[in-house]
Amino acid sequence: MIALSKFAYGVVIGSDAILLDVRADRYHAMVGAAVDKDGPIPLPETGRHLVPEAWTALIETGLAFRGSGRGFSNLHGPEHALVLSEDICERSTLRDSVDLVAAIITARWRLRRGLPCRSYNATRPAPDAATLTALHSAMTALRTVRLFIPTPRRCLPASLITALFLARRGVTTQIVFGVRSYPFEAHCWVEHDGVVVDDDLDKVCAFLPIVVGHP
């Protein structure tokens, strides 16, 4: 049985195995590493087997070891997205600006340290007590204040800033990291109780979730 290190999270897409090393913020795509036939390294979560060459590579990089423990992820994609009004009627408040600036500063500090999330998990957490009403109100405020304070467009800093802003409003969210192959691409987005918060549902559904980050 293969077990991944505490810093590694993996998924199987077709015949490819893709791993994310959260410590190094690096993806490893192993083309043709997963096969249907019986092999020495079973992947119970996926019903497939890892070819010996891929197993050797994971051992050499320190991303996996033989034994019991956490294996490859079997997370499913989200099914719903938060719907906000097309019209922005509310004015931005001083609190909105302070919360966004604080989120931007914290996000930059974390990204420079290479630790965008406080912890990572291979499963989604239990539902949070915060209601969708509170989430809707906070996201409306964020969208309004963004008109005056620009934020990064790249998915990781943008998602981290969104999650940190919502945390200051008492709304717990998660950053979901996803991957796809042919061509390989990675993406991340923010979710609350399985609901996509600040991204297009059709876009994120093109990616298979690999790990959930807790800001």
N, C-alpha and C. Protein backbone atom coordinates (compact mmCIF):
# COMPACT_ATOMS: atom_id res chain seq x y z
N MET A 1 0.85 -1.20 0.00
CA MET A 1 0.00 0.00 0.00
C MET A 1 0.88 1.24 0.00
N ILE A 2 0.48 2.22 -0.80
CA ILE A 2 1.25 3.46 -0.86
C ILE A 2 0.63 4.50 0.07
N ALA A 3 1.47 5.21 0.79
CA ALA A 3 1.02 6.29 1.67
C ALA A 3 1.78 7.56 1.28
N LEU A 4 1.07 8.66 1.18
CA LEU A 4 1.69 9.92 0.81
C LEU A 4 2.23 10.62 2.04
N SER A 5 3.28 11.39 1.85
CA SER A 5 3.84 12.16 2.96
C SER A 5 2.84 13.23 3.39
N LYS A 6 3.08 13.83 4.54
CA LYS A 6 2.13 14.82 5.07
C LYS A 6 2.10 16.09 4.23
N PHE A 7 3.07 16.25 3.33
CA PHE A 7 3.10 17.44 2.48
C PHE A 7 2.56 17.17 1.08
N ALA A 8 2.26 15.90 0.75
CA ALA A 8 1.88 15.54 -0.61
C ALA A 8 0.42 15.13 -0.70
N TYR A 9 -0.24 15.54 -1.78
CA TYR A 9 -1.63 15.17 -2.06
C TYR A 9 -1.71 14.81 -3.53
N GLY A 10 -2.44 13.73 -3.84
CA GLY A 10 -2.46 13.27 -5.21
C GLY A 10 -3.83 12.85 -5.69
N VAL A 11 -4.02 12.88 -7.00
CA VAL A 11 -5.22 12.39 -7.66
C VAL A 11 -4.80 11.63 -8.91
N VAL A 12 -5.70 10.79 -9.39
CA VAL A 12 -5.49 10.08 -10.65
C VAL A 12 -6.51 10.58 -11.66
N ILE A 13 -6.03 11.02 -12.81
CA ILE A 13 -6.89 11.47 -13.90
C ILE A 13 -6.58 10.59 -15.10
N GLY A 14 -7.52 9.69 -15.42
CA GLY A 14 -7.26 8.74 -16.50
C GLY A 14 -6.10 7.83 -16.12
N SER A 15 -5.05 7.86 -16.90
CA SER A 15 -3.87 7.04 -16.60
C SER A 15 -2.74 7.86 -15.99
N ASP A 16 -3.02 9.11 -15.66
CA ASP A 16 -1.99 9.99 -15.12
C ASP A 16 -2.17 10.19 -13.62
N ALA A 17 -1.07 10.25 -12.91
CA ALA A 17 -1.07 10.55 -11.48
C ALA A 17 -0.47 11.94 -11.29
N ILE A 18 -1.19 12.79 -10.58
CA ILE A 18 -0.72 14.16 -10.36
C ILE A 18 -0.65 14.41 -8.86
N LEU A 19 0.48 14.94 -8.43
CA LEU A 19 0.68 15.22 -7.01
C LEU A 19 1.02 16.68 -6.80
N LEU A 20 0.59 17.19 -5.65
CA LEU A 20 0.92 18.55 -5.23
C LEU A 20 1.73 18.47 -3.95
N ASP A 21 2.91 19.03 -3.99
CA ASP A 21 3.75 19.17 -2.80
C ASP A 21 3.47 20.55 -2.22
N VAL A 22 2.64 20.62 -1.17
CA VAL A 22 2.22 21.91 -0.64
C VAL A 22 3.38 22.66 0.02
N ARG A 23 4.37 21.92 0.49
CA ARG A 23 5.51 22.57 1.14
C ARG A 23 6.33 23.36 0.12
N ALA A 24 6.49 22.79 -1.08
CA ALA A 24 7.28 23.44 -2.12
C ALA A 24 6.42 24.18 -3.13
N ASP A 25 5.08 24.09 -2.99
CA ASP A 25 4.15 24.69 -3.95
C ASP A 25 4.51 24.23 -5.37
N ARG A 26 4.61 22.91 -5.53
CA ARG A 26 5.04 22.35 -6.82
C ARG A 26 4.18 21.15 -7.18
N TYR A 27 3.78 21.10 -8.45
CA TYR A 27 3.00 19.98 -8.95
C TYR A 27 3.91 19.00 -9.67
N HIS A 28 3.59 17.71 -9.55
CA HIS A 28 4.31 16.65 -10.24
C HIS A 28 3.30 15.84 -11.06
N ALA A 29 3.42 15.89 -12.37
CA ALA A 29 2.51 15.15 -13.26
C ALA A 29 3.25 13.94 -13.82
N MET A 30 2.75 12.73 -13.51
CA MET A 30 3.37 11.49 -13.97
C MET A 30 2.46 10.85 -15.01
N VAL A 31 2.80 11.04 -16.28
CA VAL A 31 1.98 10.54 -17.38
C VAL A 31 2.07 9.02 -17.46
N GLY A 32 0.90 8.37 -17.54
CA GLY A 32 0.87 6.91 -17.68
C GLY A 32 1.26 6.16 -16.42
N ALA A 33 1.20 6.83 -15.26
CA ALA A 33 1.66 6.19 -14.02
C ALA A 33 0.62 5.27 -13.41
N ALA A 34 -0.66 5.42 -13.77
CA ALA A 34 -1.73 4.61 -13.18
C ALA A 34 -2.29 3.65 -14.24
N VAL A 35 -2.39 2.36 -13.87
CA VAL A 35 -2.86 1.34 -14.81
C VAL A 35 -3.99 0.54 -14.19
N ASP A 36 -4.80 -0.10 -15.04
CA ASP A 36 -5.93 -0.90 -14.56
C ASP A 36 -5.49 -2.27 -14.06
N LYS A 37 -4.48 -2.86 -14.70
CA LYS A 37 -4.08 -4.23 -14.35
C LYS A 37 -3.46 -4.29 -12.96
N ASP A 38 -3.46 -5.47 -12.39
CA ASP A 38 -2.88 -5.65 -11.07
C ASP A 38 -1.39 -5.29 -11.08
N GLY A 39 -0.99 -4.64 -10.03
CA GLY A 39 0.41 -4.26 -9.91
C GLY A 39 0.85 -4.30 -8.48
N PRO A 40 2.12 -4.02 -8.22
CA PRO A 40 2.65 -4.12 -6.86
C PRO A 40 2.19 -3.01 -5.94
N ILE A 41 1.74 -1.87 -6.50
CA ILE A 41 1.36 -0.74 -5.67
C ILE A 41 -0.10 -0.36 -5.95
N PRO A 42 -1.04 -0.93 -5.19
CA PRO A 42 -2.46 -0.60 -5.42
C PRO A 42 -2.81 0.80 -4.91
N LEU A 43 -3.76 1.42 -5.57
CA LEU A 43 -4.29 2.71 -5.16
C LEU A 43 -5.77 2.50 -4.85
N PRO A 44 -6.11 2.06 -3.63
CA PRO A 44 -7.48 1.67 -3.30
C PRO A 44 -8.51 2.76 -3.55
N GLU A 45 -8.14 4.01 -3.36
CA GLU A 45 -9.09 5.11 -3.53
C GLU A 45 -9.53 5.27 -4.97
N THR A 46 -8.71 4.81 -5.91
CA THR A 46 -8.99 5.01 -7.32
C THR A 46 -9.31 3.72 -8.06
N GLY A 47 -9.05 2.56 -7.42
CA GLY A 47 -9.26 1.29 -8.09
C GLY A 47 -8.19 0.97 -9.13
N ARG A 48 -7.07 1.67 -9.08
CA ARG A 48 -6.00 1.47 -10.06
C ARG A 48 -4.71 1.10 -9.35
N HIS A 49 -3.65 0.93 -10.14
CA HIS A 49 -2.35 0.57 -9.59
C HIS A 49 -1.28 1.50 -10.14
N LEU A 50 -0.26 1.74 -9.33
CA LEU A 50 0.84 2.61 -9.70
C LEU A 50 1.96 1.77 -10.31
N VAL A 51 2.50 2.21 -11.44
CA VAL A 51 3.58 1.48 -12.10
C VAL A 51 4.84 1.62 -11.24
N PRO A 52 5.73 0.61 -11.28
CA PRO A 52 6.93 0.64 -10.43
C PRO A 52 7.80 1.87 -10.62
N GLU A 53 7.91 2.34 -11.87
CA GLU A 53 8.76 3.50 -12.12
C GLU A 53 8.24 4.75 -11.38
N ALA A 54 6.92 4.90 -11.36
CA ALA A 54 6.34 6.05 -10.66
C ALA A 54 6.55 5.92 -9.16
N TRP A 55 6.40 4.69 -8.65
CA TRP A 55 6.62 4.44 -7.23
C TRP A 55 8.04 4.80 -6.83
N THR A 56 9.01 4.41 -7.64
CA THR A 56 10.41 4.72 -7.36
C THR A 56 10.64 6.23 -7.34
N ALA A 57 10.02 6.93 -8.29
CA ALA A 57 10.19 8.38 -8.35
C ALA A 57 9.62 9.06 -7.12
N LEU A 58 8.47 8.59 -6.64
CA LEU A 58 7.86 9.18 -5.45
C LEU A 58 8.72 8.95 -4.21
N ILE A 59 9.29 7.76 -4.12
CA ILE A 59 10.17 7.45 -2.98
C ILE A 59 11.39 8.36 -3.00
N GLU A 60 12.00 8.52 -4.17
CA GLU A 60 13.22 9.31 -4.28
C GLU A 60 12.98 10.79 -3.96
N THR A 61 11.79 11.28 -4.27
CA THR A 61 11.49 12.68 -3.99
C THR A 61 10.93 12.89 -2.58
N GLY A 62 10.70 11.79 -1.85
CA GLY A 62 10.20 11.89 -0.48
C GLY A 62 8.72 12.21 -0.38
N LEU A 63 7.99 11.98 -1.46
CA LEU A 63 6.55 12.30 -1.46
C LEU A 63 5.69 11.12 -1.02
N ALA A 64 6.27 9.93 -0.93
CA ALA A 64 5.48 8.76 -0.56
C ALA A 64 6.37 7.72 0.10
N PHE A 65 5.72 6.76 0.77
CA PHE A 65 6.43 5.65 1.39
C PHE A 65 5.49 4.44 1.40
N ARG A 66 6.04 3.27 1.59
CA ARG A 66 5.23 2.07 1.63
C ARG A 66 4.71 1.86 3.05
N GLY A 67 3.40 1.68 3.18
CA GLY A 67 2.81 1.48 4.49
C GLY A 67 1.39 2.00 4.52
N SER A 68 0.82 2.05 5.70
CA SER A 68 -0.54 2.55 5.85
C SER A 68 -0.52 4.05 6.08
N GLY A 69 -1.56 4.71 5.67
CA GLY A 69 -1.64 6.15 5.82
C GLY A 69 -2.53 6.76 4.76
N ARG A 70 -2.46 8.05 4.61
CA ARG A 70 -3.30 8.75 3.64
C ARG A 70 -2.84 8.48 2.23
N GLY A 71 -3.79 8.10 1.38
CA GLY A 71 -3.47 7.80 0.00
C GLY A 71 -3.93 8.90 -0.94
N PHE A 72 -4.23 8.50 -2.17
CA PHE A 72 -4.66 9.46 -3.18
C PHE A 72 -6.07 9.96 -2.88
N SER A 73 -6.36 11.18 -3.29
CA SER A 73 -7.64 11.82 -3.00
C SER A 73 -8.74 11.32 -3.92
N ASN A 74 -9.96 11.33 -3.41
CA ASN A 74 -11.13 11.02 -4.24
C ASN A 74 -12.19 12.11 -4.07
N LEU A 75 -11.74 13.36 -3.96
CA LEU A 75 -12.65 14.48 -3.82
C LEU A 75 -13.47 14.67 -5.09
N HIS A 76 -14.70 15.12 -4.93
CA HIS A 76 -15.55 15.40 -6.07
C HIS A 76 -15.63 16.91 -6.28
N GLY A 77 -15.97 17.30 -7.48
CA GLY A 77 -16.10 18.71 -7.79
C GLY A 77 -17.35 19.31 -7.18
N PRO A 78 -17.41 20.64 -7.07
CA PRO A 78 -18.58 21.31 -6.51
C PRO A 78 -19.77 21.24 -7.46
N GLU A 79 -20.97 21.44 -6.91
CA GLU A 79 -22.18 21.38 -7.72
C GLU A 79 -22.93 22.71 -7.76
N HIS A 80 -22.58 23.65 -6.87
CA HIS A 80 -23.32 24.90 -6.80
C HIS A 80 -22.34 26.07 -6.68
N ALA A 81 -22.81 27.24 -7.09
CA ALA A 81 -22.02 28.46 -6.96
C ALA A 81 -22.90 29.55 -6.37
N LEU A 82 -22.26 30.46 -5.65
CA LEU A 82 -22.98 31.57 -5.05
C LEU A 82 -23.46 32.51 -6.15
N VAL A 83 -24.72 32.93 -6.08
CA VAL A 83 -25.30 33.83 -7.07
C VAL A 83 -25.44 35.22 -6.45
N LEU A 84 -24.79 36.18 -7.07
CA LEU A 84 -24.88 37.57 -6.61
C LEU A 84 -25.61 38.40 -7.65
N SER A 85 -26.24 39.47 -7.21
CA SER A 85 -26.94 40.37 -8.13
C SER A 85 -25.95 41.00 -9.10
N GLU A 86 -26.39 41.23 -10.32
CA GLU A 86 -25.54 41.88 -11.31
C GLU A 86 -25.30 43.35 -10.96
N ASP A 87 -26.23 43.97 -10.23
CA ASP A 87 -26.12 45.38 -9.89
C ASP A 87 -25.41 45.55 -8.55
N ILE A 88 -24.53 46.53 -8.49
CA ILE A 88 -23.84 46.87 -7.25
C ILE A 88 -24.44 48.18 -6.76
N CYS A 89 -25.31 48.07 -5.77
CA CYS A 89 -26.06 49.25 -5.31
C CYS A 89 -25.50 49.84 -4.03
N GLU A 90 -24.78 49.02 -3.25
CA GLU A 90 -24.32 49.49 -1.96
C GLU A 90 -23.01 50.27 -2.09
N ARG A 91 -22.82 51.22 -1.21
CA ARG A 91 -21.57 51.95 -1.17
C ARG A 91 -20.55 51.20 -0.34
N SER A 92 -19.29 51.39 -0.69
CA SER A 92 -18.22 50.78 0.09
C SER A 92 -18.05 51.55 1.39
N THR A 93 -17.87 50.83 2.49
CA THR A 93 -17.68 51.46 3.79
C THR A 93 -16.21 51.45 4.18
N LEU A 94 -15.89 52.21 5.24
CA LEU A 94 -14.52 52.22 5.74
C LEU A 94 -14.11 50.84 6.22
N ARG A 95 -15.03 50.12 6.84
CA ARG A 95 -14.71 48.76 7.31
C ARG A 95 -14.38 47.86 6.13
N ASP A 96 -15.11 47.98 5.02
CA ASP A 96 -14.82 47.17 3.84
C ASP A 96 -13.39 47.40 3.37
N SER A 97 -12.99 48.67 3.31
CA SER A 97 -11.64 49.00 2.84
C SER A 97 -10.58 48.47 3.78
N VAL A 98 -10.81 48.63 5.09
CA VAL A 98 -9.83 48.15 6.08
C VAL A 98 -9.70 46.64 6.00
N ASP A 99 -10.82 45.94 5.89
CA ASP A 99 -10.79 44.48 5.83
C ASP A 99 -10.07 44.00 4.57
N LEU A 100 -10.31 44.66 3.45
CA LEU A 100 -9.66 44.23 2.21
C LEU A 100 -8.16 44.51 2.24
N VAL A 101 -7.78 45.68 2.70
CA VAL A 101 -6.35 46.00 2.79
C VAL A 101 -5.64 45.03 3.73
N ALA A 102 -6.27 44.71 4.85
CA ALA A 102 -5.68 43.75 5.80
C ALA A 102 -5.55 42.38 5.14
N ALA A 103 -6.55 41.97 4.36
CA ALA A 103 -6.49 40.68 3.68
C ALA A 103 -5.38 40.66 2.64
N ILE A 104 -5.21 41.76 1.91
CA ILE A 104 -4.15 41.84 0.90
C ILE A 104 -2.77 41.75 1.55
N ILE A 105 -2.57 42.48 2.63
CA ILE A 105 -1.27 42.46 3.32
C ILE A 105 -0.96 41.07 3.87
N THR A 106 -1.96 40.44 4.51
CA THR A 106 -1.76 39.09 5.06
C THR A 106 -1.47 38.09 3.95
N ALA A 107 -2.20 38.19 2.84
CA ALA A 107 -1.99 37.27 1.73
C ALA A 107 -0.59 37.40 1.15
N ARG A 108 -0.12 38.62 0.97
CA ARG A 108 1.23 38.84 0.44
C ARG A 108 2.29 38.27 1.38
N TRP A 109 2.10 38.47 2.67
CA TRP A 109 3.06 37.96 3.65
C TRP A 109 3.11 36.43 3.62
N ARG A 110 1.94 35.81 3.54
CA ARG A 110 1.90 34.35 3.51
C ARG A 110 2.51 33.80 2.23
N LEU A 111 2.21 34.42 1.11
CA LEU A 111 2.73 33.94 -0.17
C LEU A 111 4.25 34.08 -0.22
N ARG A 112 4.78 35.13 0.35
CA ARG A 112 6.23 35.28 0.39
C ARG A 112 6.88 34.21 1.25
N ARG A 113 6.19 33.78 2.28
CA ARG A 113 6.71 32.71 3.14
C ARG A 113 6.50 31.33 2.52
N GLY A 114 5.68 31.25 1.46
CA GLY A 114 5.38 29.97 0.84
C GLY A 114 4.36 29.15 1.59
N LEU A 115 3.58 29.80 2.46
CA LEU A 115 2.57 29.09 3.25
C LEU A 115 1.23 29.79 3.11
N PRO A 116 0.57 29.66 1.96
CA PRO A 116 -0.71 30.36 1.77
C PRO A 116 -1.81 29.90 2.71
N CYS A 117 -1.84 28.61 3.04
CA CYS A 117 -2.88 28.07 3.92
C CYS A 117 -2.26 27.59 5.23
N ARG A 118 -3.03 27.70 6.31
CA ARG A 118 -2.54 27.25 7.61
C ARG A 118 -2.43 25.73 7.68
N SER A 119 -3.36 25.04 7.01
CA SER A 119 -3.36 23.58 7.00
C SER A 119 -4.05 23.09 5.74
N TYR A 120 -3.84 21.80 5.44
CA TYR A 120 -4.43 21.18 4.26
C TYR A 120 -5.09 19.87 4.66
N ASN A 121 -6.09 19.47 3.87
CA ASN A 121 -6.81 18.25 4.17
C ASN A 121 -7.25 17.60 2.87
N ALA A 122 -7.37 16.28 2.90
CA ALA A 122 -7.79 15.54 1.71
C ALA A 122 -9.30 15.41 1.61
N THR A 123 -10.03 15.99 2.56
CA THR A 123 -11.48 15.94 2.54
C THR A 123 -12.05 17.31 2.85
N ARG A 124 -13.27 17.54 2.45
CA ARG A 124 -13.94 18.80 2.78
C ARG A 124 -14.41 18.74 4.23
N PRO A 125 -14.41 19.88 4.93
CA PRO A 125 -14.83 19.90 6.33
C PRO A 125 -16.34 19.80 6.47
N ALA A 126 -16.79 19.60 7.70
CA ALA A 126 -18.22 19.58 7.97
C ALA A 126 -18.78 20.97 7.76
N PRO A 127 -20.09 21.07 7.48
CA PRO A 127 -20.70 22.38 7.24
C PRO A 127 -20.46 23.35 8.39
N ASP A 128 -20.24 24.60 8.04
CA ASP A 128 -19.99 25.64 9.02
C ASP A 128 -21.30 26.28 9.47
N ALA A 129 -21.27 26.91 10.64
CA ALA A 129 -22.48 27.50 11.18
C ALA A 129 -22.89 28.77 10.45
N ALA A 130 -21.94 29.41 9.76
CA ALA A 130 -22.26 30.64 9.04
C ALA A 130 -23.29 30.36 7.95
N THR A 131 -24.21 31.27 7.79
CA THR A 131 -25.28 31.08 6.82
C THR A 131 -24.89 31.64 5.47
N LEU A 132 -25.61 31.20 4.45
CA LEU A 132 -25.37 31.74 3.12
C LEU A 132 -25.75 33.21 3.05
N THR A 133 -26.64 33.65 3.94
CA THR A 133 -27.01 35.06 3.98
C THR A 133 -25.82 35.92 4.38
N ALA A 134 -25.08 35.49 5.40
CA ALA A 134 -23.88 36.21 5.82
C ALA A 134 -22.83 36.19 4.72
N LEU A 135 -22.69 35.05 4.05
CA LEU A 135 -21.73 34.94 2.96
C LEU A 135 -22.11 35.88 1.82
N HIS A 136 -23.38 35.90 1.48
CA HIS A 136 -23.86 36.76 0.40
C HIS A 136 -23.58 38.23 0.72
N SER A 137 -23.86 38.64 1.95
CA SER A 137 -23.63 40.02 2.36
C SER A 137 -22.14 40.38 2.29
N ALA A 138 -21.29 39.47 2.77
CA ALA A 138 -19.85 39.73 2.78
C ALA A 138 -19.28 39.78 1.36
N MET A 139 -19.76 38.91 0.49
CA MET A 139 -19.26 38.90 -0.89
C MET A 139 -19.74 40.13 -1.66
N THR A 140 -20.93 40.61 -1.34
CA THR A 140 -21.41 41.85 -1.96
C THR A 140 -20.52 43.02 -1.57
N ALA A 141 -20.15 43.06 -0.28
CA ALA A 141 -19.26 44.12 0.20
C ALA A 141 -17.89 44.01 -0.46
N LEU A 142 -17.37 42.80 -0.61
CA LEU A 142 -16.06 42.60 -1.23
C LEU A 142 -16.08 43.04 -2.68
N ARG A 143 -17.12 42.65 -3.40
CA ARG A 143 -17.19 43.01 -4.81
C ARG A 143 -17.28 44.53 -4.99
N THR A 144 -17.95 45.20 -4.07
CA THR A 144 -18.08 46.65 -4.15
C THR A 144 -16.75 47.35 -3.87
N VAL A 145 -16.07 46.95 -2.80
CA VAL A 145 -14.82 47.62 -2.43
C VAL A 145 -13.71 47.32 -3.43
N ARG A 146 -13.82 46.22 -4.16
CA ARG A 146 -12.82 45.92 -5.19
C ARG A 146 -12.83 46.92 -6.34
N LEU A 147 -13.92 47.65 -6.47
CA LEU A 147 -13.99 48.69 -7.50
C LEU A 147 -13.01 49.82 -7.21
N PHE A 148 -12.65 49.99 -5.94
CA PHE A 148 -11.79 51.09 -5.52
C PHE A 148 -10.40 50.62 -5.12
N ILE A 149 -10.28 49.37 -4.70
CA ILE A 149 -8.98 48.81 -4.31
C ILE A 149 -8.73 47.58 -5.17
N PRO A 150 -7.86 47.69 -6.17
CA PRO A 150 -7.61 46.54 -7.06
C PRO A 150 -6.94 45.39 -6.33
N THR A 151 -7.26 44.18 -6.74
CA THR A 151 -6.66 42.97 -6.17
C THR A 151 -6.09 42.11 -7.29
N PRO A 152 -5.15 41.22 -6.99
CA PRO A 152 -4.56 40.36 -8.02
C PRO A 152 -5.60 39.50 -8.72
N ARG A 153 -5.32 39.13 -9.97
CA ARG A 153 -6.22 38.29 -10.74
C ARG A 153 -5.82 36.82 -10.72
N ARG A 154 -4.53 36.54 -10.44
CA ARG A 154 -4.09 35.14 -10.40
C ARG A 154 -4.86 34.40 -9.32
N CYS A 155 -5.17 33.14 -9.60
CA CYS A 155 -6.13 32.42 -8.77
C CYS A 155 -5.70 32.26 -7.31
N LEU A 156 -4.43 31.97 -7.04
CA LEU A 156 -4.02 31.73 -5.65
C LEU A 156 -4.08 33.00 -4.81
N PRO A 157 -3.41 34.10 -5.20
CA PRO A 157 -3.54 35.31 -4.37
C PRO A 157 -4.97 35.84 -4.31
N ALA A 158 -5.70 35.74 -5.42
CA ALA A 158 -7.09 36.22 -5.42
C ALA A 158 -7.95 35.40 -4.47
N SER A 159 -7.78 34.07 -4.50
CA SER A 159 -8.56 33.20 -3.61
C SER A 159 -8.19 33.42 -2.16
N LEU A 160 -6.90 33.59 -1.90
CA LEU A 160 -6.45 33.80 -0.52
C LEU A 160 -6.99 35.11 0.04
N ILE A 161 -6.97 36.16 -0.76
CA ILE A 161 -7.50 37.45 -0.31
C ILE A 161 -9.00 37.34 -0.03
N THR A 162 -9.73 36.66 -0.91
CA THR A 162 -11.17 36.48 -0.71
C THR A 162 -11.44 35.73 0.59
N ALA A 163 -10.71 34.62 0.81
CA ALA A 163 -10.91 33.81 2.01
C ALA A 163 -10.58 34.58 3.27
N LEU A 164 -9.51 35.38 3.24
CA LEU A 164 -9.11 36.15 4.41
C LEU A 164 -10.11 37.28 4.69
N PHE A 165 -10.62 37.90 3.64
CA PHE A 165 -11.63 38.95 3.81
C PHE A 165 -12.88 38.36 4.46
N LEU A 166 -13.33 37.21 3.96
CA LEU A 166 -14.53 36.58 4.51
C LEU A 166 -14.31 36.14 5.95
N ALA A 167 -13.09 35.70 6.27
CA ALA A 167 -12.79 35.29 7.64
C ALA A 167 -12.95 36.46 8.61
N ARG A 168 -12.59 37.65 8.16
CA ARG A 168 -12.75 38.84 9.00
C ARG A 168 -14.22 39.18 9.21
N ARG A 169 -15.09 38.62 8.36
CA ARG A 169 -16.54 38.82 8.51
C ARG A 169 -17.20 37.63 9.20
N GLY A 170 -16.39 36.70 9.71
CA GLY A 170 -16.92 35.56 10.43
C GLY A 170 -17.41 34.43 9.56
N VAL A 171 -17.05 34.44 8.27
CA VAL A 171 -17.48 33.38 7.36
C VAL A 171 -16.28 32.47 7.06
N THR A 172 -16.40 31.21 7.43
CA THR A 172 -15.33 30.25 7.22
C THR A 172 -15.42 29.67 5.81
N THR A 173 -14.32 29.69 5.10
CA THR A 173 -14.27 29.14 3.74
C THR A 173 -13.04 28.26 3.59
N GLN A 174 -12.96 27.59 2.46
CA GLN A 174 -11.80 26.76 2.14
C GLN A 174 -11.32 27.11 0.74
N ILE A 175 -10.02 26.95 0.52
CA ILE A 175 -9.45 27.11 -0.80
C ILE A 175 -9.24 25.71 -1.38
N VAL A 176 -9.90 25.43 -2.49
CA VAL A 176 -9.83 24.11 -3.11
C VAL A 176 -8.85 24.18 -4.29
N PHE A 177 -7.87 23.29 -4.29
CA PHE A 177 -6.89 23.21 -5.37
C PHE A 177 -7.31 22.09 -6.31
N GLY A 178 -7.35 22.38 -7.61
CA GLY A 178 -7.74 21.37 -8.59
C GLY A 178 -6.76 21.30 -9.74
N VAL A 179 -6.77 20.17 -10.44
CA VAL A 179 -5.86 19.95 -11.57
C VAL A 179 -6.62 19.30 -12.73
N ARG A 180 -6.04 19.40 -13.90
CA ARG A 180 -6.52 18.66 -15.06
C ARG A 180 -5.32 18.33 -15.94
N SER A 181 -5.49 17.38 -16.84
CA SER A 181 -4.38 16.98 -17.71
C SER A 181 -4.76 17.18 -19.17
N TYR A 182 -3.75 17.16 -20.03
CA TYR A 182 -3.93 17.29 -21.49
C TYR A 182 -4.71 18.52 -21.90
N PRO A 183 -4.14 19.71 -21.84
CA PRO A 183 -2.82 20.00 -21.25
C PRO A 183 -2.93 20.13 -19.74
N PHE A 184 -1.82 19.92 -19.06
CA PHE A 184 -1.84 20.04 -17.60
C PHE A 184 -2.09 21.49 -17.21
N GLU A 185 -2.94 21.66 -16.21
CA GLU A 185 -3.22 22.99 -15.69
C GLU A 185 -3.73 22.85 -14.26
N ALA A 186 -3.38 23.79 -13.43
CA ALA A 186 -3.84 23.82 -12.04
C ALA A 186 -4.64 25.09 -11.80
N HIS A 187 -5.57 25.01 -10.87
CA HIS A 187 -6.42 26.17 -10.56
C HIS A 187 -6.87 26.03 -9.10
N CYS A 188 -7.21 27.13 -8.48
CA CYS A 188 -7.78 27.07 -7.13
C CYS A 188 -8.91 28.07 -7.01
N TRP A 189 -9.83 27.78 -6.11
CA TRP A 189 -11.00 28.62 -5.92
C TRP A 189 -11.46 28.54 -4.47
N VAL A 190 -12.40 29.40 -4.08
CA VAL A 190 -12.89 29.45 -2.71
C VAL A 190 -14.26 28.80 -2.64
N GLU A 191 -14.47 27.97 -1.59
CA GLU A 191 -15.76 27.33 -1.36
C GLU A 191 -16.23 27.57 0.07
N HIS A 192 -17.55 27.56 0.23
CA HIS A 192 -18.17 27.57 1.56
C HIS A 192 -19.24 26.48 1.56
N ASP A 193 -19.03 25.46 2.37
CA ASP A 193 -19.96 24.33 2.42
C ASP A 193 -20.22 23.73 1.04
N GLY A 194 -19.17 23.63 0.22
CA GLY A 194 -19.31 23.04 -1.10
C GLY A 194 -19.85 23.97 -2.16
N VAL A 195 -20.10 25.24 -1.80
CA VAL A 195 -20.60 26.23 -2.75
C VAL A 195 -19.43 27.09 -3.23
N VAL A 196 -19.25 27.19 -4.53
CA VAL A 196 -18.18 28.03 -5.08
C VAL A 196 -18.52 29.48 -4.81
N VAL A 197 -17.59 30.20 -4.21
CA VAL A 197 -17.86 31.55 -3.72
C VAL A 197 -17.59 32.63 -4.75
N ASP A 198 -16.44 32.58 -5.41
CA ASP A 198 -16.01 33.72 -6.23
C ASP A 198 -15.37 33.25 -7.53
N ASP A 199 -16.04 32.34 -8.20
CA ASP A 199 -15.50 31.81 -9.46
C ASP A 199 -16.65 31.27 -10.29
N ASP A 200 -16.36 30.93 -11.53
CA ASP A 200 -17.38 30.40 -12.42
C ASP A 200 -17.48 28.89 -12.24
N LEU A 201 -18.68 28.39 -12.00
CA LEU A 201 -18.87 26.96 -11.71
C LEU A 201 -18.42 26.10 -12.89
N ASP A 202 -18.74 26.50 -14.10
CA ASP A 202 -18.34 25.72 -15.27
C ASP A 202 -16.83 25.63 -15.38
N LYS A 203 -16.14 26.70 -15.00
CA LYS A 203 -14.68 26.70 -15.07
C LYS A 203 -14.07 25.75 -14.06
N VAL A 204 -14.51 25.84 -12.80
CA VAL A 204 -13.89 25.01 -11.77
C VAL A 204 -14.25 23.54 -11.95
N CYS A 205 -15.39 23.24 -12.56
CA CYS A 205 -15.78 21.84 -12.76
C CYS A 205 -14.88 21.14 -13.78
N ALA A 206 -14.08 21.90 -14.50
CA ALA A 206 -13.12 21.30 -15.43
C ALA A 206 -11.89 20.78 -14.71
N PHE A 207 -11.79 21.05 -13.40
CA PHE A 207 -10.63 20.63 -12.62
C PHE A 207 -11.05 19.62 -11.56
N LEU A 208 -10.22 18.61 -11.35
CA LEU A 208 -10.47 17.61 -10.31
C LEU A 208 -9.81 18.08 -9.02
N PRO A 209 -10.58 18.25 -7.94
CA PRO A 209 -9.98 18.70 -6.68
C PRO A 209 -8.92 17.73 -6.18
N ILE A 210 -7.81 18.29 -5.70
CA ILE A 210 -6.71 17.47 -5.21
C ILE A 210 -6.49 17.65 -3.71
N VAL A 211 -6.77 18.86 -3.19
CA VAL A 211 -6.60 19.11 -1.77
C VAL A 211 -7.41 20.35 -1.38
N VAL A 212 -7.79 20.39 -0.10
CA VAL A 212 -8.53 21.53 0.45
C VAL A 212 -7.63 22.25 1.44
N GLY A 213 -7.46 23.56 1.23
CA GLY A 213 -6.65 24.36 2.12
C GLY A 213 -7.51 25.18 3.05
N HIS A 214 -7.04 25.32 4.31
CA HIS A 214 -7.78 26.09 5.32
C HIS A 214 -7.01 27.36 5.63
N PRO A 215 -7.52 28.50 5.16
CA PRO A 215 -6.78 29.76 5.35
C PRO A 215 -6.72 30.18 6.81
